[in-house]
C-alpha atoms as a PDB file:
ATOM      1  CA  MET A   1      -0.005   0.058  -0.039  1.00  0.00           C
ATOM      2  CA  ALA A   2       1.378   3.396  -0.933  1.00  0.00           C
ATOM      3  CA  TYR A   3       0.560   6.977  -1.563  1.00  0.00           C
ATOM      4  CA  VAL A   4       0.897   7.859  -5.296  1.00  0.00           C
ATOM      5  CA  TRP A   5       0.589  11.040  -7.318  1.00  0.00           C
ATOM      6  CA  GLY A   6      -1.398   9.687 -10.138  1.00  0.00           C
ATOM      7  CA  LEU A   7      -2.772   6.530 -11.910  1.00  0.00           C
ATOM      8  CA  TRP A   8      -0.273   5.871 -14.603  1.00  0.00           C
ATOM      9  CA  ASP A   9       3.490   5.217 -14.892  1.00  0.00           C
ATOM     10  CA  GLN A  10       4.141   5.749 -11.181  1.00  0.00           C
ATOM     11  CA  ASN A  11       7.505   5.274  -9.628  1.00  0.00           C
ATOM     12  CA  VAL A  12       6.882   4.530  -6.042  1.00  0.00           C
ATOM     13  CA  SER A  13       9.691   5.368  -3.515  1.00  0.00           C
ATOM     14  CA  THR A  14       9.970   3.702  -0.096  1.00  0.00           C
ATOM     15  CA  SER A  15       8.956   7.115   1.557  1.00  0.00           C
ATOM     16  CA  GLN A  16       5.580   6.642  -0.102  1.00  0.00           C
ATOM     17  CA  LEU A  17       4.932   3.129   1.332  1.00  0.00           C
ATOM     18  CA  ILE A  18       2.333   2.784   3.931  1.00  0.00           C
ATOM     19  CA  GLU A  19       2.554  -0.901   4.333  1.00  0.00           C
ATOM     20  CA  PRO A  20       4.925  -3.346   2.600  1.00  0.00           C
ATOM     21  CA  SER A  21       3.631  -6.607   0.908  1.00  0.00           C
ATOM     22  CA  ARG A  22       3.113  -9.687   2.909  1.00  0.00           C
ATOM     23  CA  VAL A  23       1.899 -13.216   2.476  1.00  0.00           C
ATOM     24  CA  LEU A  24      -1.766 -13.594   3.079  1.00  0.00           C
ATOM     25  CA  SER A  25      -2.203 -17.283   2.508  1.00  0.00           C
ATOM     26  CA  PHE A  26      -0.797 -20.329   0.790  1.00  0.00           C
ATOM     27  CA  ALA A  27      -2.090 -23.714  -0.386  1.00  0.00           C
ATOM     28  CA  ALA A  28      -0.119 -26.851  -1.053  1.00  0.00           C
ATOM     29  CA  LYS A  29      -0.363 -30.554  -1.474  1.00  0.00           C
ATOM     30  CA  TRP A  30       1.925 -33.614  -1.773  1.00  0.00           C
ATOM     31  CA  LEU A  31       1.895 -35.129  -5.309  1.00  0.00           C
ATOM     32  CA  ASP A  32      -0.632 -37.919  -5.756  1.00  0.00           C
ATOM     33  CA  GLU A  33      -2.191 -37.320  -2.185  1.00  0.00           C
ATOM     34  CA  LYS A  34      -5.713 -36.122  -1.955  1.00  0.00           C
ATOM     35  CA  ARG A  35      -5.278 -33.794   1.176  1.00  0.00           C
ATOM     36  CA  MET A  36      -5.153 -30.201   0.261  1.00  0.00           C
ATOM     37  CA  MET A  37      -3.411 -27.945   2.720  1.00  0.00           C
ATOM     38  CA  PHE A  38      -4.382 -24.317   3.255  1.00  0.00           C
ATOM     39  CA  PHE A  39      -3.051 -21.783   5.789  1.00  0.00           C
ATOM     40  CA  SER A  40      -3.813 -18.017   5.996  1.00  0.00           C
ATOM     41  CA  GLU A  41      -3.182 -15.148   8.407  1.00  0.00           C
ATOM     42  CA  TYR A  42      -7.089 -14.959   8.773  1.00  0.00           C
ATOM     43  CA  HIS A  43      -7.634 -18.595   9.657  1.00  0.00           C
ATOM     44  CA  ASP A  44      -4.391 -19.475  11.471  1.00  0.00           C
ATOM     45  CA  GLY A  45      -2.480 -16.292  12.297  1.00  0.00           C
ATOM     46  CA  ALA A  46       0.508 -14.974  10.322  1.00  0.00           C
ATOM     47  CA  ASP A  47       3.088 -16.687  12.545  1.00  0.00           C
ATOM     48  CA  ALA A  48       1.470 -20.133  12.380  1.00  0.00           C
ATOM     49  CA  MET A  49       1.010 -19.785   8.599  1.00  0.00           C
ATOM     50  CA  VAL A  50       4.666 -18.921   8.088  1.00  0.00           C
ATOM     51  CA  GLU A  51       5.781 -21.805  10.364  1.00  0.00           C
ATOM     52  CA  ALA A  52       3.627 -24.205   8.315  1.00  0.00           C
ATOM     53  CA  ALA A  53       5.226 -23.047   5.044  1.00  0.00           C
ATOM     54  CA  TRP A  54       8.689 -23.294   6.435  1.00  0.00           C
ATOM     55  CA  ALA A  55       8.091 -26.892   7.655  1.00  0.00           C
ATOM     56  CA  LEU A  56       6.627 -27.986   4.214  1.00  0.00           C
ATOM     57  CA  LEU A  57       9.659 -26.510   2.285  1.00  0.00           C
ATOM     58  CA  ASP A  58      12.036 -28.054   4.842  1.00  0.00           C
ATOM     59  CA  GLU A  59      10.596 -31.442   4.164  1.00  0.00           C
ATOM     60  CA  ALA A  60      10.170 -31.293   0.487  1.00  0.00           C
ATOM     61  CA  ASP A  61      12.774 -32.561  -1.940  1.00  0.00           C
ATOM     62  CA  VAL A  62      11.017 -31.116  -5.116  1.00  0.00           C
ATOM     63  CA  VAL A  63       8.750 -28.210  -5.214  1.00  0.00           C
ATOM     64  CA  ILE A  64       6.427 -27.798  -8.221  1.00  0.00           C
ATOM     65  CA  GLY A  65       4.735 -24.590  -9.048  1.00  0.00           C
ATOM     66  CA  TYR A  66       3.865 -21.990 -11.722  1.00  0.00           C
ATOM     67  CA  ASN A  67       6.333 -18.994 -11.478  1.00  0.00           C
ATOM     68  CA  HIS A  68       6.896 -20.050  -7.897  1.00  0.00           C
ATOM     69  CA  ALA A  69      10.713 -19.892  -8.128  1.00  0.00           C
ATOM     70  CA  LYS A  70      10.813 -16.104  -8.837  1.00  0.00           C
ATOM     71  CA  PHE A  71       7.506 -15.189  -6.920  1.00  0.00           C
ATOM     72  CA  ASP A  72       6.215 -17.541  -4.240  1.00  0.00           C
ATOM     73  CA  ILE A  73       9.499 -18.734  -2.882  1.00  0.00           C
ATOM     74  CA  PRO A  74      11.207 -15.260  -2.597  1.00  0.00           C
ATOM     75  CA  HIS A  75       8.147 -13.919  -0.880  1.00  0.00           C
ATOM     76  CA  LEU A  76       8.124 -16.863   1.691  1.00  0.00           C
ATOM     77  CA  ALA A  77      11.783 -16.518   2.170  1.00  0.00           C
ATOM     78  CA  ARG A  78      11.325 -12.822   3.160  1.00  0.00           C
ATOM     79  CA  GLU A  79       8.711 -13.890   5.799  1.00  0.00           C
ATOM     80  CA  PHE A  80      11.191 -16.496   7.170  1.00  0.00           C
ATOM     81  CA  VAL A  81      14.121 -14.209   7.423  1.00  0.00           C
ATOM     82  CA  LEU A  82      11.962 -11.419   9.064  1.00  0.00           C
ATOM     83  CA  ARG A  83      10.989 -13.923  11.761  1.00  0.00           C
ATOM     84  CA  GLY A  84      14.528 -15.196  12.404  1.00  0.00           C
ATOM     85  CA  TYR A  85      14.147 -18.633  10.659  1.00  0.00           C
ATOM     86  CA  ALA A  86      17.050 -20.375   9.179  1.00  0.00           C
ATOM     87  CA  SER A  87      16.839 -21.360   5.536  1.00  0.00           C
ATOM     88  CA  PRO A  88      14.756 -24.546   5.049  1.00  0.00           C
ATOM     89  CA  SER A  89      16.705 -27.524   3.628  1.00  0.00           C
ATOM     90  CA  PRO A  90      17.568 -27.287   0.017  1.00  0.00           C
ATOM     91  CA  HIS A  91      15.121 -28.453  -2.616  1.00  0.00           C
ATOM     92  CA  LEU A  92      14.733 -28.664  -6.386  1.00  0.00           C
ATOM     93  CA  ASP A  93      12.303 -26.307  -8.068  1.00  0.00           C
ATOM     94  CA  VAL A  94      10.334 -27.534 -11.039  1.00  0.00           C
ATOM     95  CA  ASP A  95       8.792 -24.216 -12.265  1.00  0.00           C
ATOM     96  CA  LEU A  96       6.079 -25.141 -14.965  1.00  0.00           C
ATOM     97  CA  LEU A  97       6.105 -21.493 -16.237  1.00  0.00           C
ATOM     98  CA  ARG A  98       9.742 -22.060 -17.354  1.00  0.00           C
ATOM     99  CA  VAL A  99       8.737 -25.423 -18.979  1.00  0.00           C
ATOM    100  CA  VAL A 100       5.803 -23.853 -20.855  1.00  0.00           C
ATOM    101  CA  ARG A 101       8.021 -20.896 -22.071  1.00  0.00           C
ATOM    102  CA  SER A 102      10.882 -23.110 -23.243  1.00  0.00           C
ATOM    103  CA  ARG A 103       8.908 -25.975 -24.852  1.00  0.00           C
ATOM    104  CA  PHE A 104       5.790 -24.433 -26.318  1.00  0.00           C
ATOM    105  CA  LYS A 105       4.497 -21.178 -27.900  1.00  0.00           C
ATOM    106  CA  PHE A 106       1.152 -20.518 -26.508  1.00  0.00           C
ATOM    107  CA  PRO A 107      -0.448 -17.133 -27.207  1.00  0.00           C
ATOM    108  CA  SER A 108      -0.345 -16.595 -23.451  1.00  0.00           C
ATOM    109  CA  ASN A 109       1.759 -18.197 -20.795  1.00  0.00           C
ATOM    110  CA  LYS A 110      -0.734 -17.380 -17.975  1.00  0.00           C
ATOM    111  CA  LEU A 111      -1.685 -20.376 -15.945  1.00  0.00           C
ATOM    112  CA  GLY A 112      -5.409 -20.048 -16.570  1.00  0.00           C
ATOM    113  CA  TYR A 113      -4.933 -19.725 -20.405  1.00  0.00           C
ATOM    114  CA  VAL A 114      -2.501 -22.759 -20.532  1.00  0.00           C
ATOM    115  CA  THR A 115      -4.618 -25.108 -18.443  1.00  0.00           C
ATOM    116  CA  GLN A 116      -7.892 -24.124 -20.347  1.00  0.00           C
ATOM    117  CA  ALA A 117      -6.146 -24.579 -23.709  1.00  0.00           C
ATOM    118  CA  LEU A 118      -4.934 -28.021 -22.661  1.00  0.00           C
ATOM    119  CA  GLY A 119      -8.535 -29.071 -21.605  1.00  0.00           C
ATOM    120  CA  LEU A 120      -7.737 -29.120 -17.877  1.00  0.00           C
ATOM    121  CA  GLU A 121      -9.667 -27.379 -15.140  1.00  0.00           C
ATOM    122  CA  THR A 122      -8.732 -23.699 -14.925  1.00  0.00           C
ATOM    123  CA  LYS A 123      -8.498 -20.873 -12.437  1.00  0.00           C
ATOM    124  CA  VAL A 124     -11.398 -19.615 -10.425  1.00  0.00           C
ATOM    125  CA  ALA A 125     -12.744 -16.342 -11.839  1.00  0.00           C
ATOM    126  CA  THR A 126     -12.652 -13.505  -9.202  1.00  0.00           C
ATOM    127  CA  SER A 127     -13.425  -9.850  -9.175  1.00  0.00           C
ATOM    128  CA  GLY A 128      -9.764  -9.040  -9.004  1.00  0.00           C
ATOM    129  CA  GLN A 129      -8.725  -6.091  -6.803  1.00  0.00           C
ATOM    130  CA  GLU A 130     -12.103  -5.876  -5.363  1.00  0.00           C
ATOM    131  CA  LEU A 131     -11.796  -9.362  -3.774  1.00  0.00           C
ATOM    132  CA  TRP A 132      -8.308  -8.427  -2.399  1.00  0.00           C
ATOM    133  CA  ASN A 133      -9.774  -5.386  -0.816  1.00  0.00           C
ATOM    134  CA  ARG A 134     -12.489  -7.361   0.804  1.00  0.00           C
ATOM    135  CA  VAL A 135      -9.884  -9.954   2.032  1.00  0.00           C
ATOM    136  CA  LEU A 136      -7.834  -7.122   3.533  1.00  0.00           C
ATOM    137  CA  ALA A 137     -10.908  -6.000   5.316  1.00  0.00           C
ATOM    138  CA  ASN A 138     -11.245  -9.575   6.732  1.00  0.00           C
ATOM    139  CA  GLU A 139     -14.671 -10.090   5.248  1.00  0.00           C
ATOM    140  CA  ALA A 140     -15.544 -13.766   5.949  1.00  0.00           C
ATOM    141  CA  ALA A 141     -17.333 -14.260   2.587  1.00  0.00           C
ATOM    142  CA  ALA A 142     -14.352 -12.936   0.759  1.00  0.00           C
ATOM    143  CA  TRP A 143     -12.010 -15.268   2.526  1.00  0.00           C
ATOM    144  CA  VAL A 144     -14.166 -18.185   1.409  1.00  0.00           C
ATOM    145  CA  GLU A 145     -13.777 -17.059  -2.165  1.00  0.00           C
ATOM    146  CA  PHE A 146      -9.966 -16.381  -1.708  1.00  0.00           C
ATOM    147  CA  LYS A 147      -9.370 -19.933  -0.301  1.00  0.00           C
ATOM    148  CA  ARG A 148     -11.182 -21.540  -3.119  1.00  0.00           C
ATOM    149  CA  TYR A 149      -9.125 -19.463  -5.634  1.00  0.00           C
ATOM    150  CA  ASN A 150      -5.786 -20.377  -3.859  1.00  0.00           C
ATOM    151  CA  VAL A 151      -6.670 -24.049  -3.671  1.00  0.00           C
ATOM    152  CA  GLN A 152      -7.770 -24.367  -7.218  1.00  0.00           C
ATOM    153  CA  ASP A 153      -4.425 -22.846  -8.390  1.00  0.00           C
ATOM    154  CA  VAL A 154      -2.590 -25.665  -6.686  1.00  0.00           C
ATOM    155  CA  ALA A 155      -4.941 -28.369  -7.990  1.00  0.00           C
ATOM    156  CA  ILE A 156      -4.624 -27.213 -11.562  1.00  0.00           C
ATOM    157  CA  THR A 157      -0.865 -26.879 -11.238  1.00  0.00           C
ATOM    158  CA  GLU A 158      -0.711 -30.536 -10.260  1.00  0.00           C
ATOM    159  CA  GLN A 159      -2.834 -31.470 -13.234  1.00  0.00           C
ATOM    160  CA  LEU A 160      -0.623 -29.558 -15.568  1.00  0.00           C
ATOM    161  CA  PHE A 161       2.544 -31.145 -14.134  1.00  0.00           C
ATOM    162  CA  VAL A 162       1.141 -34.687 -14.748  1.00  0.00           C
ATOM    163  CA  LEU A 163       0.204 -33.784 -18.237  1.00  0.00           C
ATOM    164  CA  LEU A 164       3.532 -32.103 -19.037  1.00  0.00           C
ATOM    165  CA  SER A 165       5.750 -34.666 -17.258  1.00  0.00           C
ATOM    166  CA  PRO A 166       7.022 -36.147 -20.574  1.00  0.00           C
ATOM    167  CA  TRP A 167       8.258 -32.658 -21.561  1.00  0.00           C
ATOM    168  CA  ILE A 168      10.148 -31.892 -18.347  1.00  0.00           C
ATOM    169  CA  LYS A 169      13.758 -32.807 -18.040  1.00  0.00           C
ATOM    170  CA  ASN A 170      14.793 -31.443 -14.660  1.00  0.00           C
ATOM    171  CA  VAL A 171      12.876 -33.666 -12.309  1.00  0.00           C
ATOM    172  CA  PRO A 172      14.739 -36.322 -10.279  1.00  0.00           C
ATOM    173  CA  HIS A 173      14.920 -39.777 -11.903  1.00  0.00           C
ATOM    174  CA  ALA A 174      12.098 -41.960 -10.818  1.00  0.00           C
ATOM    175  CA  GLY A 175      14.409 -44.841 -10.121  1.00  0.00           C
ATOM    176  CA  LEU A 176      15.985 -43.065  -7.220  1.00  0.00           C
ATOM    177  CA  SER A 177      13.067 -43.989  -5.048  1.00  0.00           C
ATOM    178  CA  GLY A 178      12.602 -47.481  -6.448  1.00  0.00           C
ATOM    179  CA  GLY A 179      16.206 -48.630  -6.295  1.00  0.00           C
ATOM    180  CA  SER A 180      16.654 -49.284 -10.114  1.00  0.00           C
ATOM    181  CA  MET A 181      17.879 -46.517 -12.451  1.00  0.00           C
ATOM    182  CA  ALA A 182      17.099 -48.667 -15.504  1.00  0.00           C
ATOM    183  CA  VAL A 183      13.343 -47.752 -15.425  1.00  0.00           C
ATOM    184  CA  CYS A 184      11.479 -44.766 -16.977  1.00  0.00           C
ATOM    185  CA  PRO A 185      13.091 -41.645 -15.603  1.00  0.00           C
ATOM    186  CA  SER A 186       9.683 -39.928 -15.388  1.00  0.00           C
ATOM    187  CA  CYS A 187       7.176 -42.592 -14.147  1.00  0.00           C
ATOM    188  CA  GLY A 188       9.296 -45.431 -12.996  1.00  0.00           C
ATOM    189  CA  ALA A 189       7.760 -48.088 -15.323  1.00  0.00           C
ATOM    190  CA  GLY A 190      10.093 -50.917 -16.346  1.00  0.00           C
ATOM    191  CA  ASN A 191       8.418 -52.141 -19.580  1.00  0.00           C
ATOM    192  CA  LEU A 192      10.243 -49.746 -21.922  1.00  0.00           C
ATOM    193  CA  GLU A 193      10.191 -50.421 -25.619  1.00  0.00           C
ATOM    194  CA  GLN A 194      13.224 -50.207 -27.942  1.00  0.00           C
ATOM    195  CA  ALA A 195      12.770 -47.442 -30.511  1.00  0.00           C
ATOM    196  CA  GLY A 196      16.096 -46.905 -32.317  1.00  0.00           C
ATOM    197  CA  PHE A 197      19.001 -44.993 -31.223  1.00  0.00           C
ATOM    198  CA  VAL A 198      19.985 -41.481 -29.869  1.00  0.00           C
ATOM    199  CA  PHE A 199      23.008 -39.769 -31.415  1.00  0.00           C
ATOM    200  CA  ASP A 200      25.319 -37.066 -30.129  1.00  0.00           C
ATOM    201  CA  LYS A 201      28.565 -35.869 -31.616  1.00  0.00           C
ATOM    202  CA  THR A 202      30.686 -38.838 -30.331  1.00  0.00           C
ATOM    203  CA  MET A 203      28.328 -41.474 -28.986  1.00  0.00           C
ATOM    204  CA  VAL A 204      25.242 -43.572 -29.934  1.00  0.00           C
ATOM    205  CA  TYR A 205      22.853 -44.728 -27.302  1.00  0.00           C
ATOM    206  CA  PRO A 206      19.836 -47.105 -27.442  1.00  0.00           C
ATOM    207  CA  LYS A 207      16.486 -45.043 -27.377  1.00  0.00           C
ATOM    208  CA  LEU A 208      13.646 -46.420 -25.300  1.00  0.00           C
ATOM    209  CA  GLY A 209      10.080 -45.246 -25.298  1.00  0.00           C
ATOM    210  CA  CYS A 210       7.627 -45.333 -22.322  1.00  0.00           C
ATOM    211  CA  LYS A 211       3.854 -45.486 -22.402  1.00  0.00           C
ATOM    212  CA  CYS A 212       3.730 -42.288 -20.366  1.00  0.00           C
ATOM    213  CA  GLY A 213       5.245 -40.474 -23.368  1.00  0.00           C
ATOM    214  CA  VAL A 214       8.792 -40.088 -22.263  1.00  0.00           C
ATOM    215  CA  TRP A 215      11.731 -40.877 -24.500  1.00  0.00           C
ATOM    216  CA  CYS A 216      14.993 -41.945 -22.844  1.00  0.00           C
ATOM    217  CA  LYS A 217      18.459 -43.156 -23.683  1.00  0.00           C
ATOM    218  CA  VAL A 218      20.290 -45.989 -22.138  1.00  0.00           C
ATOM    219  CA  LEU A 219      23.866 -45.168 -20.853  1.00  0.00           C
ATOM    220  CA  ARG A 220      26.704 -47.736 -20.723  1.00  0.00           C
ATOM    221  CA  SER A 221      25.873 -48.383 -17.103  1.00  0.00           C
ATOM    222  CA  GLY A 222      22.401 -49.403 -17.986  1.00  0.00           C
ATOM    223  CA  GLU A 223      20.854 -46.283 -16.350  1.00  0.00           C
ATOM    224  CA  THR A 224      18.327 -44.339 -18.414  1.00  0.00           C
ATOM    225  CA  ARG A 225      18.278 -40.652 -19.029  1.00  0.00           C
ATOM    226  CA  VAL A 226      15.462 -38.406 -20.421  1.00  0.00           C
ATOM    227  CA  VAL A 227      16.365 -37.487 -24.006  1.00  0.00           C
END
């Protein structure tokens, strides 16, 4: 919140700030689990909300989101350091916005547009700034709508991740949890089909295809890697 001198092309200095930005809520879920978690300053108090976020990030090995690496994670990190928290344990970020930008050419890279174009569920429509104003005024009905909006974003992000998994290269190999690195790197299936060869400048590798849509190559060690 800030005092400004007009409506267009404003440069806001720190002396104009009334109140800095803060985290109002977050939603999260573990992949393939049904339970959706939601915490907010309204329902749980700001300190309990931040503590819950820190605990989840500290436990997670991989965090999947949409523009979360540059937006959500830094905002949460600010809340952590302001409260004297140490950094949560390291994790790998799989940012689906980066995947969409690098692998496809949609007219818009917004989460709602991409999910709708792919036939998935999409974002909850809101009144925009009006809803945020009502939330900041702690209107109970507004928080119900706000929670639904937040939770739906997480649900459709998971759906998008599952659909785009064959296109994503920076996820941990599925064999790390199963004990065999000769399986599909994406889904962990073992019934891969021979499908020719993969060439680079100096080597030739057997190419395997998986029913999940992933193509992988077989290293000399027998381990698979996404092509």
